[in-house]
Every structure is written in structure tokens, then in C-alpha cells.
Protein backbone atom coordinates (compact mmCIF):
# COMPACT_ATOMS: atom_id res chain seq x y z
CA MET A 1 -69.40 -32.35 31.15
CA SER A 2 -65.68 -31.58 31.14
CA ARG A 3 -63.69 -31.39 27.98
CA ILE A 4 -60.63 -33.59 27.47
CA PRO A 5 -57.52 -31.60 26.47
CA PRO A 6 -56.43 -32.49 22.92
CA HIS A 7 -52.90 -33.47 23.99
CA SER A 8 -54.26 -36.29 26.21
CA VAL A 9 -56.24 -38.02 23.46
CA PRO A 10 -54.31 -40.79 21.71
CA ARG A 11 -54.13 -40.38 17.96
CA ARG A 12 -52.68 -42.14 14.99
CA ALA A 13 -49.37 -40.90 13.63
CA GLY A 14 -49.75 -38.54 10.71
CA THR A 15 -53.22 -37.29 11.65
CA ALA A 16 -53.72 -33.59 12.03
CA VAL A 17 -54.21 -31.95 15.41
CA ALA A 18 -55.67 -28.57 16.21
CA GLY A 19 -52.99 -25.91 16.48
CA PRO A 20 -53.25 -22.26 17.48
CA ALA A 21 -56.49 -20.60 16.40
CA GLY A 22 -57.94 -23.98 15.45
CA HIS A 23 -55.74 -24.48 12.36
CA ALA A 24 -54.76 -28.04 11.49
CA VAL A 25 -51.15 -28.92 12.19
CA PRO A 26 -49.70 -32.25 10.98
CA ALA A 27 -48.83 -34.59 13.82
CA PRO A 28 -45.28 -35.87 14.21
CA ALA A 29 -44.53 -39.11 12.39
CA ALA A 30 -44.29 -42.30 14.41
CA ALA A 31 -41.23 -44.51 14.48
CA ALA A 32 -41.04 -46.97 11.62
CA VAL A 33 -42.29 -50.48 12.39
CA PRO A 34 -41.15 -53.47 10.33
CA ALA A 35 -43.77 -54.48 7.80
CA ALA A 36 -45.63 -57.69 8.48
CA GLY A 37 -45.89 -60.25 5.75
CA PRO A 38 -47.76 -63.55 5.58
CA GLY A 39 -45.15 -65.25 7.78
CA GLY A 40 -45.10 -62.51 10.40
CA PRO A 41 -42.93 -59.43 10.82
CA ALA A 42 -40.46 -58.81 8.05
CA LEU A 43 -36.81 -59.21 8.95
CA LEU A 44 -34.76 -56.08 8.62
CA GLU A 45 -32.16 -56.17 5.90
CA ARG A 46 -28.47 -55.44 6.26
CA ASP A 47 -26.31 -55.45 3.10
CA GLY A 48 -29.12 -57.09 1.13
CA ALA A 49 -29.42 -60.10 3.48
CA ALA A 50 -32.12 -60.69 6.07
CA ASP A 51 -30.96 -59.97 9.62
CA PRO A 52 -32.34 -62.80 11.80
CA ALA A 53 -31.29 -60.96 14.98
CA ALA A 54 -33.67 -58.10 14.15
CA GLY A 55 -36.59 -60.52 13.67
CA THR A 56 -35.64 -62.38 16.83
CA ALA A 57 -35.60 -59.15 18.82
CA PHE A 58 -39.08 -58.33 17.56
CA VAL A 59 -40.39 -61.78 18.54
CA VAL A 60 -38.69 -61.68 21.95
CA ASP A 61 -40.22 -58.26 22.64
CA ALA A 62 -43.65 -59.61 21.69
CA LEU A 63 -43.32 -62.90 23.61
CA ALA A 64 -41.91 -61.59 26.90
CA PRO A 65 -45.18 -59.95 28.05
CA LEU A 66 -47.12 -63.07 27.07
CA PHE A 67 -44.89 -65.33 29.16
CA ARG A 68 -45.01 -62.80 32.01
CA LEU A 69 -48.81 -62.94 31.82
CA LEU A 70 -48.81 -66.75 31.86
CA GLY A 71 -46.25 -66.76 34.69
CA ASP A 72 -48.98 -65.97 37.21
CA PRO A 73 -50.24 -69.27 38.71
CA SER A 74 -53.85 -68.01 38.90
CA ARG A 75 -53.93 -67.01 35.24
CA LEU A 76 -52.23 -70.22 34.16
CA SER A 77 -54.77 -72.29 36.09
CA ILE A 78 -57.57 -70.36 34.35
CA VAL A 79 -56.00 -71.16 30.96
CA PHE A 80 -55.78 -74.85 31.91
CA VAL A 81 -59.51 -74.89 32.77
CA CYS A 82 -60.40 -73.22 29.44
CA LEU A 83 -57.96 -75.21 27.33
CA HIS A 84 -60.18 -77.83 25.73
CA GLU A 85 -63.75 -76.74 26.43
CA ALA A 86 -65.77 -73.55 26.73
CA VAL A 87 -66.33 -72.69 30.41
CA CYS A 88 -68.27 -69.86 32.11
CA VAL A 89 -66.79 -67.62 34.82
CA SER A 90 -68.61 -69.35 37.68
CA GLU A 91 -67.29 -72.77 36.60
CA ILE A 92 -63.75 -71.37 36.24
CA ALA A 93 -64.03 -69.82 39.72
CA ARG A 94 -65.23 -73.13 41.19
CA ALA A 95 -62.46 -75.12 39.44
CA THR A 96 -59.65 -72.74 40.44
CA GLY A 97 -60.86 -71.68 43.87
CA LEU A 98 -60.70 -68.00 42.87
CA SER A 99 -63.48 -65.46 43.29
CA PRO A 100 -65.60 -64.76 40.19
CA SER A 101 -64.47 -61.10 40.18
CA LEU A 102 -60.80 -62.12 40.22
CA VAL A 103 -61.44 -64.66 37.46
CA SER A 104 -63.11 -61.92 35.38
CA HIS A 105 -60.14 -59.62 35.93
CA HIS A 106 -57.67 -62.31 34.81
CA LEU A 107 -59.86 -63.21 31.82
CA ARG A 108 -59.82 -59.57 30.70
CA LEU A 109 -56.00 -59.67 30.64
CA LEU A 110 -55.92 -63.05 28.92
CA ARG A 111 -58.41 -61.88 26.27
CA GLY A 112 -56.30 -58.79 25.66
CA ALA A 113 -53.29 -61.00 25.01
CA ARG A 114 -55.39 -63.26 22.73
CA VAL A 115 -54.81 -66.30 24.93
CA VAL A 116 -58.53 -66.93 25.50
CA ARG A 117 -61.65 -65.84 23.68
CA GLY A 118 -65.20 -65.48 24.87
CA VAL A 119 -68.37 -66.67 23.14
CA ARG A 120 -71.73 -65.39 24.36
CA ARG A 121 -74.48 -67.97 24.88
CA GLY A 122 -77.59 -66.28 26.20
CA LYS A 123 -76.67 -64.19 29.23
CA GLN A 124 -73.33 -65.92 29.88
CA ILE A 125 -69.96 -65.76 28.19
CA PHE A 126 -68.04 -69.00 27.82
CA TYR A 127 -64.27 -68.85 27.55
CA THR A 128 -61.95 -71.18 25.70
CA ALA A 129 -58.39 -71.14 24.36
CA ALA A 130 -58.12 -68.59 21.57
CA ASP A 131 -56.77 -71.04 19.01
CA ASP A 132 -54.82 -74.26 18.43
CA HIS A 133 -51.49 -72.45 18.90
CA VAL A 134 -52.37 -71.69 22.52
CA ARG A 135 -53.63 -75.25 23.11
CA ARG A 136 -50.51 -76.82 21.63
CA MET A 137 -48.16 -74.47 23.51
CA ILE A 138 -49.76 -75.17 26.90
CA ASP A 139 -50.08 -78.92 26.21
CA ASP A 140 -46.43 -79.09 25.07
CA MET A 141 -45.23 -77.20 28.14
CA ARG A 142 -47.29 -79.47 30.42
CA GLU A 143 -45.80 -82.53 28.70
CA HIS A 144 -42.30 -81.05 29.02
CA VAL A 145 -42.71 -80.48 32.77
CA VAL A 146 -44.15 -83.95 33.38
CA GLU A 147 -41.57 -85.97 31.45
CA CYS A 148 -38.39 -84.02 32.26
CA PRO A 149 -36.63 -84.98 35.51
CA GLN A 150 -36.27 -82.06 37.94
CA ASP A 151 -32.59 -82.68 38.77
CA GLU A 152 -30.34 -82.92 35.73
């Protein structure tokens, strides 16, 4: 079995790493991240006032990959199938016309982004929207597309 070099193993900031002769050396500190409160990430302060632009930048940076993920028609169709009921991979594949292996690949990405969640029942895993936020967002966007005229 080969050994993984210590510099290729991810580690938490501030944890010690092995230095020369096996002595512990403190790891470099990570960049500061805004603290999260009950309402989400804290806004950075400038001159004692909250800076909404800093909070907006944080949200935009977090939302862009999510919208990029949902921008793929195959993944979006999978989310639509899972939106209001728990569905297994074979049913999703049948409903979308995608292969089960491709559906599984997309589900892995959607689970990682917390868009869907899986619940095991016996030997199968059934997938559904992760929470009401996801359901409302997709339903609202569907409603927006249906009721807004294309040429304005």
C-alpha cells in the first residue's frame, strides 16, 4: 500500500503538520470567513454600520454555483420529478428518458448542493426535494415562466 504525502492531504486551518524530523509545525491560518448567525452570514461592518454589499457578495458567490447546477436541463428535469414525491432512480430515469447511471450521477451533484435528499427504503433510495425552500423556488420559477409573456 502506498503512502499519501502529507502535503496532499486536506487539513483544517490551525492544525499541526509534521515538519522536519517529525516535529509538529503549526499550519498556516486560513482566511477569515464572516461569522454566520441565525439569519445567515453576518454582514461585514464599515464605520459601525452593516455593509449590505458584503453580504450580497457572499450570497451571490453561494448562489451562482447552485443556479449553474440547475441550469442543466437534465438536472432540472430530475428536480421536477422529485419535487413533490419521493422517487427511486429507475422511476426518475423512466420519467426523464435518461439512463439510470446518468440519473445517479446528476443526483450525486444535486445531493451535494442540498437540492435533493435521499431516503433509504429497503434496498432502494428514494429522492425528493431537500426542503420547502427548494420546492417553493422551483414552483415559483415555473409559475413565473408560465405566466410571463416571452416578448416584452
